[in-house]
Amino acid sequence: MSTIAAKKILVVGGSGFLGLNICKFAARQGWETVSLSRKGEPSVFKHGRPAWAEKVEWAKGDSLEPASFEKHLEGVTDVVQTVGIISESDYKDLASAQSFCDAAKGMSKVAGGLFGLHDRGNPMKGADRPTFEKMNRDTAITVAKMAAEVPTMDSFVYISASDLFPFVDPRYISTKRDVERYLFAQPEFRSVVLRPGLMYGGKRPTVTPIAMGLRLANTLTKPIAKELDTLPFGTAITTPPLHIDTVAQAVTSAIEQKGLKGIFDVEGIQKLAYHNF
């Protein structure tokens, strides 16, 4: 009788929007699952944990500080890196908005930061502020360097992004592409890169209507999608949004498929999630 190989998964950013769902799917697979984040256990569990969360170790650590997470890499077979920001200007206000008024306030701050409309204050006080380079690139590369030294490592799954955000700083994409290049140069593990577009679901209710509107636009423009893709910002209309469950399923599927590696766009993520690869 064949046995399933034991797996130990480290989800970096496991208490976040997508990371939480990845932890849920991994735990339900019966895998030993460790979430690493600066907050440790997610605040959403303050009134009690769901059953699957009892099977996850909610570790506290900083992905830029190897000493804070080194012990959690022992015996790890797969790492999932979800840490990242889409804006350097109060992006969490927008991401966590619970109403359209809150979302509008968050959007104005993000837009102001993008177009230089906000005073950033004393630059000497900005050393600790989140930047694309620090949060999108350096966190992933720091973890990958440490993971490469773990003899049990099989795969490193990186949540990147589709290049379809016309109103986001180009460094958002360029820093993620830096990580992709770094990962594929490492022979110690197989690298799987997922490039979703807009993600919705979970605790971000204001994003769902936007996603539904975008899905309708996808349907209406499908006959001319190829032509639209050649226009400026065209892919922003033709690229389908993805529910975080779909992305989380794709992650677990990628981990399960021995030897699988490469870059997967939105269509590829959907195929992975529904086991069509």
C-alpha atoms as a PDB file:
ATOM      1  CA  MET A   1       0.000   0.000   0.000  1.00  0.00           C
ATOM      2  CA  SER A   2       1.466   3.353  -1.041  1.00  0.00           C
ATOM      3  CA  THR A   3       1.872   6.156   1.487  1.00  0.00           C
ATOM      4  CA  ILE A   4       1.657   9.894   0.971  1.00  0.00           C
ATOM      5  CA  ALA A   5       4.931  11.672   1.654  1.00  0.00           C
ATOM      6  CA  ALA A   6       4.790  13.905   4.712  1.00  0.00           C
ATOM      7  CA  LYS A   7       4.860  17.612   3.983  1.00  0.00           C
ATOM      8  CA  LYS A   8       5.694  20.604   6.109  1.00  0.00           C
ATOM      9  CA  ILE A   9       4.590  23.921   4.635  1.00  0.00           C
ATOM     10  CA  LEU A  10       5.799  27.363   5.682  1.00  0.00           C
ATOM     11  CA  VAL A  11       3.411  30.117   4.585  1.00  0.00           C
ATOM     12  CA  VAL A  12       5.186  33.472   4.823  1.00  0.00           C
ATOM     13  CA  GLY A  13       2.534  36.108   5.422  1.00  0.00           C
ATOM     14  CA  GLY A  14       0.129  33.397   6.553  1.00  0.00           C
ATOM     15  CA  SER A  15      -2.012  35.759   8.627  1.00  0.00           C
ATOM     16  CA  GLY A  16      -2.774  37.982   5.631  1.00  0.00           C
ATOM     17  CA  PHE A  17      -5.563  38.231   3.066  1.00  0.00           C
ATOM     18  CA  LEU A  18      -4.411  35.357   0.836  1.00  0.00           C
ATOM     19  CA  GLY A  19      -2.029  33.643   3.245  1.00  0.00           C
ATOM     20  CA  LEU A  20      -4.842  32.788   5.637  1.00  0.00           C
ATOM     21  CA  ASN A  21      -6.674  30.847   2.938  1.00  0.00           C
ATOM     22  CA  ILE A  22      -3.515  29.051   1.869  1.00  0.00           C
ATOM     23  CA  CYS A  23      -3.009  27.935   5.477  1.00  0.00           C
ATOM     24  CA  LYS A  24      -6.609  26.702   5.536  1.00  0.00           C
ATOM     25  CA  PHE A  25      -6.230  24.634   2.373  1.00  0.00           C
ATOM     26  CA  ALA A  26      -2.840  23.246   3.451  1.00  0.00           C
ATOM     27  CA  ALA A  27      -4.142  22.240   6.889  1.00  0.00           C
ATOM     28  CA  ARG A  28      -7.139  20.528   5.305  1.00  0.00           C
ATOM     29  CA  GLN A  29      -4.704  18.529   3.177  1.00  0.00           C
ATOM     30  CA  GLY A  30      -3.325  17.113   6.394  1.00  0.00           C
ATOM     31  CA  TRP A  31       0.014  18.860   5.944  1.00  0.00           C
ATOM     32  CA  GLU A  32       2.014  20.226   8.842  1.00  0.00           C
ATOM     33  CA  THR A  33       1.425  23.940   8.337  1.00  0.00           C
ATOM     34  CA  VAL A  34       3.314  26.878   9.817  1.00  0.00           C
ATOM     35  CA  SER A  35       2.253  30.487   9.284  1.00  0.00           C
ATOM     36  CA  LEU A  36       4.950  33.127   9.661  1.00  0.00           C
ATOM     37  CA  SER A  37       4.018  36.766  10.164  1.00  0.00           C
ATOM     38  CA  ARG A  38       4.958  39.685  12.361  1.00  0.00           C
ATOM     39  CA  LYS A  39       1.640  39.499  14.192  1.00  0.00           C
ATOM     40  CA  GLY A  40       1.618  35.732  14.754  1.00  0.00           C
ATOM     41  CA  GLU A  41      -1.961  34.612  15.230  1.00  0.00           C
ATOM     42  CA  PRO A  42      -4.416  36.576  13.038  1.00  0.00           C
ATOM     43  CA  SER A  43      -6.643  39.130  14.737  1.00  0.00           C
ATOM     44  CA  VAL A  44      -9.676  37.576  13.014  1.00  0.00           C
ATOM     45  CA  PHE A  45      -9.417  34.734  15.534  1.00  0.00           C
ATOM     46  CA  LYS A  46      -9.908  36.970  18.571  1.00  0.00           C
ATOM     47  CA  HIS A  47     -13.367  35.457  19.119  1.00  0.00           C
ATOM     48  CA  GLY A  48     -12.227  31.887  18.512  1.00  0.00           C
ATOM     49  CA  ARG A  49     -10.447  29.726  15.970  1.00  0.00           C
ATOM     50  CA  PRO A  50     -12.139  27.621  13.303  1.00  0.00           C
ATOM     51  CA  ALA A  51     -11.296  23.909  13.466  1.00  0.00           C
ATOM     52  CA  TRP A  52      -8.697  24.035  10.688  1.00  0.00           C
ATOM     53  CA  ALA A  53      -6.788  26.864  12.412  1.00  0.00           C
ATOM     54  CA  GLU A  54      -6.109  24.607  15.390  1.00  0.00           C
ATOM     55  CA  LYS A  55      -3.913  22.535  13.075  1.00  0.00           C
ATOM     56  CA  VAL A  56      -1.722  25.505  12.095  1.00  0.00           C
ATOM     57  CA  GLU A  57       1.257  26.818  14.037  1.00  0.00           C
ATOM     58  CA  TRP A  58       0.926  30.610  14.102  1.00  0.00           C
ATOM     59  CA  ALA A  59       4.555  31.675  14.409  1.00  0.00           C
ATOM     60  CA  LYS A  60       5.704  35.238  14.939  1.00  0.00           C
ATOM     61  CA  GLY A  61       8.717  36.463  12.978  1.00  0.00           C
ATOM     62  CA  ASP A  62      10.043  38.977  10.467  1.00  0.00           C
ATOM     63  CA  SER A  63      10.821  37.671   6.982  1.00  0.00           C
ATOM     64  CA  LEU A  64      13.616  40.250   6.730  1.00  0.00           C
ATOM     65  CA  GLU A  65      15.267  38.866   9.883  1.00  0.00           C
ATOM     66  CA  PRO A  66      16.468  35.260   9.323  1.00  0.00           C
ATOM     67  CA  ALA A  67      17.165  34.703  13.016  1.00  0.00           C
ATOM     68  CA  SER A  68      13.463  35.216  13.762  1.00  0.00           C
ATOM     69  CA  PHE A  69      12.264  32.377  11.513  1.00  0.00           C
ATOM     70  CA  GLU A  70      15.249  30.050  11.007  1.00  0.00           C
ATOM     71  CA  LYS A  71      13.936  27.458  13.470  1.00  0.00           C
ATOM     72  CA  HIS A  72      10.626  27.228  11.601  1.00  0.00           C
ATOM     73  CA  LEU A  73      12.423  26.127   8.421  1.00  0.00           C
ATOM     74  CA  GLU A  74      13.635  22.903   9.998  1.00  0.00           C
ATOM     75  CA  GLY A  75      12.162  19.990   8.047  1.00  0.00           C
ATOM     76  CA  VAL A  76      10.222  22.255   5.687  1.00  0.00           C
ATOM     77  CA  THR A  77       9.409  20.745   2.291  1.00  0.00           C
ATOM     78  CA  ASP A  78       7.640  23.711   0.703  1.00  0.00           C
ATOM     79  CA  VAL A  79       7.592  27.481   1.205  1.00  0.00           C
ATOM     80  CA  VAL A  80       4.807  29.792   0.039  1.00  0.00           C
ATOM     81  CA  GLN A  81       5.725  33.489  -0.077  1.00  0.00           C
ATOM     82  CA  THR A  82       2.720  35.826   0.011  1.00  0.00           C
ATOM     83  CA  VAL A  83       4.193  38.999   1.542  1.00  0.00           C
ATOM     84  CA  GLY A  84       3.861  42.126  -0.583  1.00  0.00           C
ATOM     85  CA  ILE A  85       2.298  45.573  -0.918  1.00  0.00           C
ATOM     86  CA  ILE A  86       0.558  47.243  -3.866  1.00  0.00           C
ATOM     87  CA  SER A  87       1.259  50.772  -2.666  1.00  0.00           C
ATOM     88  CA  GLU A  88       3.714  52.509  -0.376  1.00  0.00           C
ATOM     89  CA  SER A  89       1.031  54.994   0.768  1.00  0.00           C
ATOM     90  CA  ASP A  90      -1.433  53.702   3.344  1.00  0.00           C
ATOM     91  CA  TYR A  91      -2.282  50.685   1.213  1.00  0.00           C
ATOM     92  CA  LYS A  92      -3.775  48.864   4.216  1.00  0.00           C
ATOM     93  CA  ASP A  93      -6.500  51.506   4.555  1.00  0.00           C
ATOM     94  CA  LEU A  94      -7.726  50.558   1.101  1.00  0.00           C
ATOM     95  CA  ALA A  95      -7.152  46.815   1.413  1.00  0.00           C
ATOM     96  CA  SER A  96      -9.041  46.463   4.685  1.00  0.00           C
ATOM     97  CA  ALA A  97     -11.864  48.908   3.930  1.00  0.00           C
ATOM     98  CA  GLN A  98     -15.238  47.712   5.195  1.00  0.00           C
ATOM     99  CA  SER A  99     -17.314  50.314   3.330  1.00  0.00           C
ATOM    100  CA  PHE A 100     -17.142  52.280   0.102  1.00  0.00           C
ATOM    101  CA  CYS A 101     -16.484  55.479   2.069  1.00  0.00           C
ATOM    102  CA  ASP A 102     -13.476  53.859   3.724  1.00  0.00           C
ATOM    103  CA  ALA A 103     -12.329  52.550   0.347  1.00  0.00           C
ATOM    104  CA  ALA A 104     -12.598  56.014  -1.209  1.00  0.00           C
ATOM    105  CA  LYS A 105     -10.462  57.485   1.569  1.00  0.00           C
ATOM    106  CA  GLY A 106      -7.899  54.738   1.138  1.00  0.00           C
ATOM    107  CA  MET A 107      -7.872  55.168  -2.642  1.00  0.00           C
ATOM    108  CA  SER A 108      -7.248  58.905  -2.323  1.00  0.00           C
ATOM    109  CA  LYS A 109      -4.231  58.257  -0.113  1.00  0.00           C
ATOM    110  CA  VAL A 110      -2.852  55.632  -2.484  1.00  0.00           C
ATOM    111  CA  ALA A 111      -3.383  57.865  -5.518  1.00  0.00           C
ATOM    112  CA  GLY A 112      -1.836  60.801  -3.708  1.00  0.00           C
ATOM    113  CA  GLY A 113       1.238  58.779  -2.890  1.00  0.00           C
ATOM    114  CA  LEU A 114       1.538  57.491  -6.447  1.00  0.00           C
ATOM    115  CA  PHE A 115       1.370  60.932  -8.031  1.00  0.00           C
ATOM    116  CA  GLY A 116       3.420  62.681  -5.350  1.00  0.00           C
ATOM    117  CA  LEU A 117       0.553  64.670  -3.850  1.00  0.00           C
ATOM    118  CA  HIS A 118       1.359  63.795  -0.236  1.00  0.00           C
ATOM    119  CA  ASP A 119       4.140  65.244   1.859  1.00  0.00           C
ATOM    120  CA  ARG A 120       6.171  62.288   3.114  1.00  0.00           C
ATOM    121  CA  GLY A 121       7.615  64.406   5.915  1.00  0.00           C
ATOM    122  CA  ASN A 122      11.162  64.146   7.174  1.00  0.00           C
ATOM    123  CA  PRO A 123      12.941  61.600   4.926  1.00  0.00           C
ATOM    124  CA  MET A 124      15.085  60.523   7.882  1.00  0.00           C
ATOM    125  CA  LYS A 125      11.909  59.213   9.519  1.00  0.00           C
ATOM    126  CA  GLY A 126      11.024  57.133   6.468  1.00  0.00           C
ATOM    127  CA  ALA A 127      13.751  54.522   6.889  1.00  0.00           C
ATOM    128  CA  ASP A 128      11.294  52.033   8.366  1.00  0.00           C
ATOM    129  CA  ARG A 129       8.368  52.725   6.052  1.00  0.00           C
ATOM    130  CA  PRO A 130       7.351  49.845   3.770  1.00  0.00           C
ATOM    131  CA  THR A 131       8.749  50.098   0.246  1.00  0.00           C
ATOM    132  CA  PHE A 132       8.274  47.906  -2.808  1.00  0.00           C
ATOM    133  CA  GLU A 133      11.933  46.932  -2.671  1.00  0.00           C
ATOM    134  CA  LYS A 134      11.759  45.941   0.981  1.00  0.00           C
ATOM    135  CA  MET A 135       8.344  44.263   1.071  1.00  0.00           C
ATOM    136  CA  ASN A 136       8.010  42.746  -2.408  1.00  0.00           C
ATOM    137  CA  ARG A 137      11.618  41.880  -3.200  1.00  0.00           C
ATOM    138  CA  ASP A 138      13.807  41.693  -0.110  1.00  0.00           C
ATOM    139  CA  THR A 139      11.402  39.664   2.027  1.00  0.00           C
ATOM    140  CA  ALA A 140      11.099  36.960  -0.647  1.00  0.00           C
ATOM    141  CA  ILE A 141      14.800  36.780  -1.447  1.00  0.00           C
ATOM    142  CA  THR A 142      15.750  36.661   2.237  1.00  0.00           C
ATOM    143  CA  VAL A 143      13.425  33.700   2.830  1.00  0.00           C
ATOM    144  CA  ALA A 144      14.535  31.975  -0.391  1.00  0.00           C
ATOM    145  CA  LYS A 145      18.205  32.205   0.601  1.00  0.00           C
ATOM    146  CA  MET A 146      17.447  30.527   3.903  1.00  0.00           C
ATOM    147  CA  ALA A 147      15.177  27.911   2.303  1.00  0.00           C
ATOM    148  CA  ALA A 148      17.925  26.945  -0.153  1.00  0.00           C
ATOM    149  CA  GLU A 149      19.962  25.676   2.796  1.00  0.00           C
ATOM    150  CA  VAL A 150      17.222  23.295   3.970  1.00  0.00           C
ATOM    151  CA  PRO A 151      17.895  19.755   2.664  1.00  0.00           C
ATOM    152  CA  THR A 152      14.216  18.741   2.748  1.00  0.00           C
ATOM    153  CA  MET A 153      13.085  21.588   0.461  1.00  0.00           C
ATOM    154  CA  ASP A 154      11.074  20.667  -2.624  1.00  0.00           C
ATOM    155  CA  SER A 155       9.230  23.761  -3.871  1.00  0.00           C
ATOM    156  CA  PHE A 156       9.124  27.527  -3.409  1.00  0.00           C
ATOM    157  CA  VAL A 157       5.788  29.029  -4.458  1.00  0.00           C
ATOM    158  CA  TYR A 158       5.829  32.780  -4.998  1.00  0.00           C
ATOM    159  CA  ILE A 159       2.725  34.950  -5.317  1.00  0.00           C
ATOM    160  CA  SER A 160       3.672  37.477  -7.980  1.00  0.00           C
ATOM    161  CA  ALA A 161       1.240  39.557 -10.066  1.00  0.00           C
ATOM    162  CA  SER A 162      -0.022  40.125 -13.601  1.00  0.00           C
ATOM    163  CA  ASP A 163       1.263  43.285 -15.232  1.00  0.00           C
ATOM    164  CA  LEU A 164      -2.129  44.946 -15.603  1.00  0.00           C
ATOM    165  CA  PHE A 165      -2.359  47.692 -13.004  1.00  0.00           C
ATOM    166  CA  PRO A 166      -2.234  51.032 -14.821  1.00  0.00           C
ATOM    167  CA  PHE A 167      -2.521  53.068 -11.639  1.00  0.00           C
ATOM    168  CA  VAL A 168       0.127  51.285  -9.589  1.00  0.00           C
ATOM    169  CA  ASP A 169       3.766  52.295  -9.411  1.00  0.00           C
ATOM    170  CA  PRO A 170       5.819  50.333 -12.005  1.00  0.00           C
ATOM    171  CA  ARG A 171       8.134  49.308  -9.166  1.00  0.00           C
ATOM    172  CA  TYR A 172       5.330  47.118  -7.843  1.00  0.00           C
ATOM    173  CA  ILE A 173       5.790  44.860 -10.868  1.00  0.00           C
ATOM    174  CA  SER A 174       9.548  45.317 -11.335  1.00  0.00           C
ATOM    175  CA  THR A 175      10.340  44.229  -7.770  1.00  0.00           C
ATOM    176  CA  LYS A 176       8.232  41.112  -8.202  1.00  0.00           C
ATOM    177  CA  ARG A 177       9.988  40.319 -11.478  1.00  0.00           C
ATOM    178  CA  ASP A 178      13.316  40.689  -9.643  1.00  0.00           C
ATOM    179  CA  VAL A 179      12.213  37.921  -7.290  1.00  0.00           C
ATOM    180  CA  GLU A 180      11.097  35.699 -10.157  1.00  0.00           C
ATOM    181  CA  ARG A 181      14.507  35.955 -11.813  1.00  0.00           C
ATOM    182  CA  TYR A 182      16.246  35.203  -8.541  1.00  0.00           C
ATOM    183  CA  LEU A 183      14.113  32.127  -7.823  1.00  0.00           C
ATOM    184  CA  PHE A 184      14.595  30.545 -11.228  1.00  0.00           C
ATOM    185  CA  ALA A 185      18.358  30.874 -10.801  1.00  0.00           C
ATOM    186  CA  GLN A 186      18.270  28.676  -7.690  1.00  0.00           C
ATOM    187  CA  PRO A 187      18.857  24.949  -8.284  1.00  0.00           C
ATOM    188  CA  GLU A 188      18.088  23.861  -4.718  1.00  0.00           C
ATOM    189  CA  PHE A 189      14.300  23.813  -5.174  1.00  0.00           C
ATOM    190  CA  ARG A 190      11.693  23.987  -7.912  1.00  0.00           C
ATOM    191  CA  SER A 191      10.172  27.429  -8.296  1.00  0.00           C
ATOM    192  CA  VAL A 192       6.487  28.028  -8.997  1.00  0.00           C
ATOM    193  CA  VAL A 193       5.360  31.595  -9.695  1.00  0.00           C
ATOM    194  CA  LEU A 194       1.680  32.522  -9.726  1.00  0.00           C
ATOM    195  CA  ARG A 195       0.649  35.781 -11.381  1.00  0.00           C
ATOM    196  CA  PRO A 196      -2.938  36.587 -10.366  1.00  0.00           C
ATOM    197  CA  GLY A 197      -4.682  39.808 -11.267  1.00  0.00           C
ATOM    198  CA  LEU A 198      -7.308  41.285  -8.953  1.00  0.00           C
ATOM    199  CA  MET A 199      -8.084  38.962  -6.018  1.00  0.00           C
ATOM    200  CA  TYR A 200     -11.274  39.157  -3.985  1.00  0.00           C
ATOM    201  CA  GLY A 201     -13.104  37.394  -1.168  1.00  0.00           C
ATOM    202  CA  GLY A 202     -12.505  36.974   2.533  1.00  0.00           C
ATOM    203  CA  LYS A 203     -12.492  40.100   4.677  1.00  0.00           C
ATOM    204  CA  ARG A 204     -12.422  42.660   1.856  1.00  0.00           C
ATOM    205  CA  PRO A 205     -16.092  43.250   1.020  1.00  0.00           C
ATOM    206  CA  THR A 206     -15.516  46.414  -1.001  1.00  0.00           C
ATOM    207  CA  VAL A 207     -13.410  44.541  -3.557  1.00  0.00           C
ATOM    208  CA  THR A 208     -16.130  42.025  -4.457  1.00  0.00           C
ATOM    209  CA  PRO A 209     -18.411  44.430  -6.417  1.00  0.00           C
ATOM    210  CA  ILE A 210     -15.359  45.644  -8.346  1.00  0.00           C
ATOM    211  CA  ALA A 211     -14.450  42.044  -9.144  1.00  0.00           C
ATOM    212  CA  MET A 212     -17.994  41.270 -10.277  1.00  0.00           C
ATOM    213  CA  GLY A 213     -17.998  44.328 -12.533  1.00  0.00           C
ATOM    214  CA  LEU A 214     -14.682  43.269 -13.984  1.00  0.00           C
ATOM    215  CA  ARG A 215     -15.967  39.747 -14.558  1.00  0.00           C
ATOM    216  CA  LEU A 216     -18.940  41.191 -16.470  1.00  0.00           C
ATOM    217  CA  ALA A 217     -16.533  43.282 -18.550  1.00  0.00           C
ATOM    218  CA  ASN A 218     -14.512  40.116 -19.271  1.00  0.00           C
ATOM    219  CA  THR A 219     -17.630  38.381 -20.555  1.00  0.00           C
ATOM    220  CA  LEU A 220     -18.777  41.286 -22.733  1.00  0.00           C
ATOM    221  CA  THR A 221     -15.355  41.873 -24.274  1.00  0.00           C
ATOM    222  CA  LYS A 222     -14.388  38.217 -24.755  1.00  0.00           C
ATOM    223  CA  PRO A 223     -15.029  38.255 -28.543  1.00  0.00           C
ATOM    224  CA  ILE A 224     -12.538  41.121 -28.954  1.00  0.00           C
ATOM    225  CA  ALA A 225     -10.192  40.285 -26.079  1.00  0.00           C
ATOM    226  CA  LYS A 226      -7.133  39.803 -28.304  1.00  0.00           C
ATOM    227  CA  GLU A 227      -7.624  43.205 -29.904  1.00  0.00           C
ATOM    228  CA  LEU A 228      -8.159  44.880 -26.517  1.00  0.00           C
ATOM    229  CA  ASP A 229      -4.979  43.337 -25.144  1.00  0.00           C
ATOM    230  CA  THR A 230      -2.968  45.334 -27.672  1.00  0.00           C
ATOM    231  CA  LEU A 231      -4.365  48.633 -26.363  1.00  0.00           C
ATOM    232  CA  PRO A 232      -3.023  50.587 -23.380  1.00  0.00           C
ATOM    233  CA  PHE A 233      -4.581  49.190 -20.192  1.00  0.00           C
ATOM    234  CA  GLY A 234      -6.455  46.624 -22.298  1.00  0.00           C
ATOM    235  CA  THR A 235      -5.363  43.658 -20.186  1.00  0.00           C
ATOM    236  CA  ALA A 236      -6.842  45.367 -17.125  1.00  0.00           C
ATOM    237  CA  ILE A 237     -10.259  44.758 -18.710  1.00  0.00           C
ATOM    238  CA  THR A 238      -9.644  41.307 -20.181  1.00  0.00           C
ATOM    239  CA  THR A 239      -7.859  39.638 -17.243  1.00  0.00           C
ATOM    240  CA  PRO A 240     -10.378  37.851 -14.984  1.00  0.00           C
ATOM    241  CA  PRO A 241     -10.374  38.483 -11.228  1.00  0.00           C
ATOM    242  CA  LEU A 242      -9.717  35.453  -9.030  1.00  0.00           C
ATOM    243  CA  HIS A 243     -11.299  34.456  -5.749  1.00  0.00           C
ATOM    244  CA  ILE A 244      -8.688  33.822  -3.065  1.00  0.00           C
ATOM    245  CA  ASP A 245      -9.967  30.231  -2.759  1.00  0.00           C
ATOM    246  CA  THR A 246      -8.985  29.629  -6.386  1.00  0.00           C
ATOM    247  CA  VAL A 247      -5.469  30.955  -5.811  1.00  0.00           C
ATOM    248  CA  ALA A 248      -5.102  28.955  -2.585  1.00  0.00           C
ATOM    249  CA  GLN A 249      -6.217  25.782  -4.368  1.00  0.00           C
ATOM    250  CA  ALA A 250      -3.693  26.463  -7.123  1.00  0.00           C
ATOM    251  CA  VAL A 251      -0.937  26.775  -4.512  1.00  0.00           C
ATOM    252  CA  THR A 252      -1.716  23.409  -2.919  1.00  0.00           C
ATOM    253  CA  SER A 253      -2.031  21.806  -6.355  1.00  0.00           C
ATOM    254  CA  ALA A 254       1.376  23.174  -7.393  1.00  0.00           C
ATOM    255  CA  ILE A 255       2.943  21.805  -4.223  1.00  0.00           C
ATOM    256  CA  GLU A 256       1.381  18.377  -4.796  1.00  0.00           C
ATOM    257  CA  GLN A 257       2.547  18.020  -8.393  1.00  0.00           C
ATOM    258  CA  LYS A 258       6.055  16.632  -8.233  1.00  0.00           C
ATOM    259  CA  GLY A 259       8.395  18.314 -10.691  1.00  0.00           C
ATOM    260  CA  LEU A 260       6.002  21.136 -11.579  1.00  0.00           C
ATOM    261  CA  LYS A 261       7.695  24.497 -12.012  1.00  0.00           C
ATOM    262  CA  GLY A 262       7.341  27.666 -14.045  1.00  0.00           C
ATOM    263  CA  ILE A 263       5.221  30.799 -14.299  1.00  0.00           C
ATOM    264  CA  PHE A 264       1.428  30.561 -14.246  1.00  0.00           C
ATOM    265  CA  ASP A 265      -0.804  33.438 -15.351  1.00  0.00           C
ATOM    266  CA  VAL A 266      -4.490  33.763 -14.461  1.00  0.00           C
ATOM    267  CA  GLU A 267      -5.540  31.017 -16.865  1.00  0.00           C
ATOM    268  CA  GLY A 268      -2.756  28.782 -15.586  1.00  0.00           C
ATOM    269  CA  ILE A 269      -3.807  29.422 -11.983  1.00  0.00           C
ATOM    270  CA  GLN A 270      -7.366  28.401 -12.827  1.00  0.00           C
ATOM    271  CA  LYS A 271      -6.127  25.192 -14.468  1.00  0.00           C
ATOM    272  CA  LEU A 272      -3.959  24.383 -11.460  1.00  0.00           C
ATOM    273  CA  ALA A 273      -6.840  25.009  -9.073  1.00  0.00           C
ATOM    274  CA  TYR A 274      -9.151  22.688 -10.963  1.00  0.00           C
ATOM    275  CA  HIS A 275      -6.439  20.067 -11.604  1.00  0.00           C
ATOM    276  CA  ASN A 276      -6.445  20.531 -15.371  1.00  0.00           C
ATOM    277  CA  PHE A 277      -2.653  20.413 -15.605  1.00  0.00           C
END
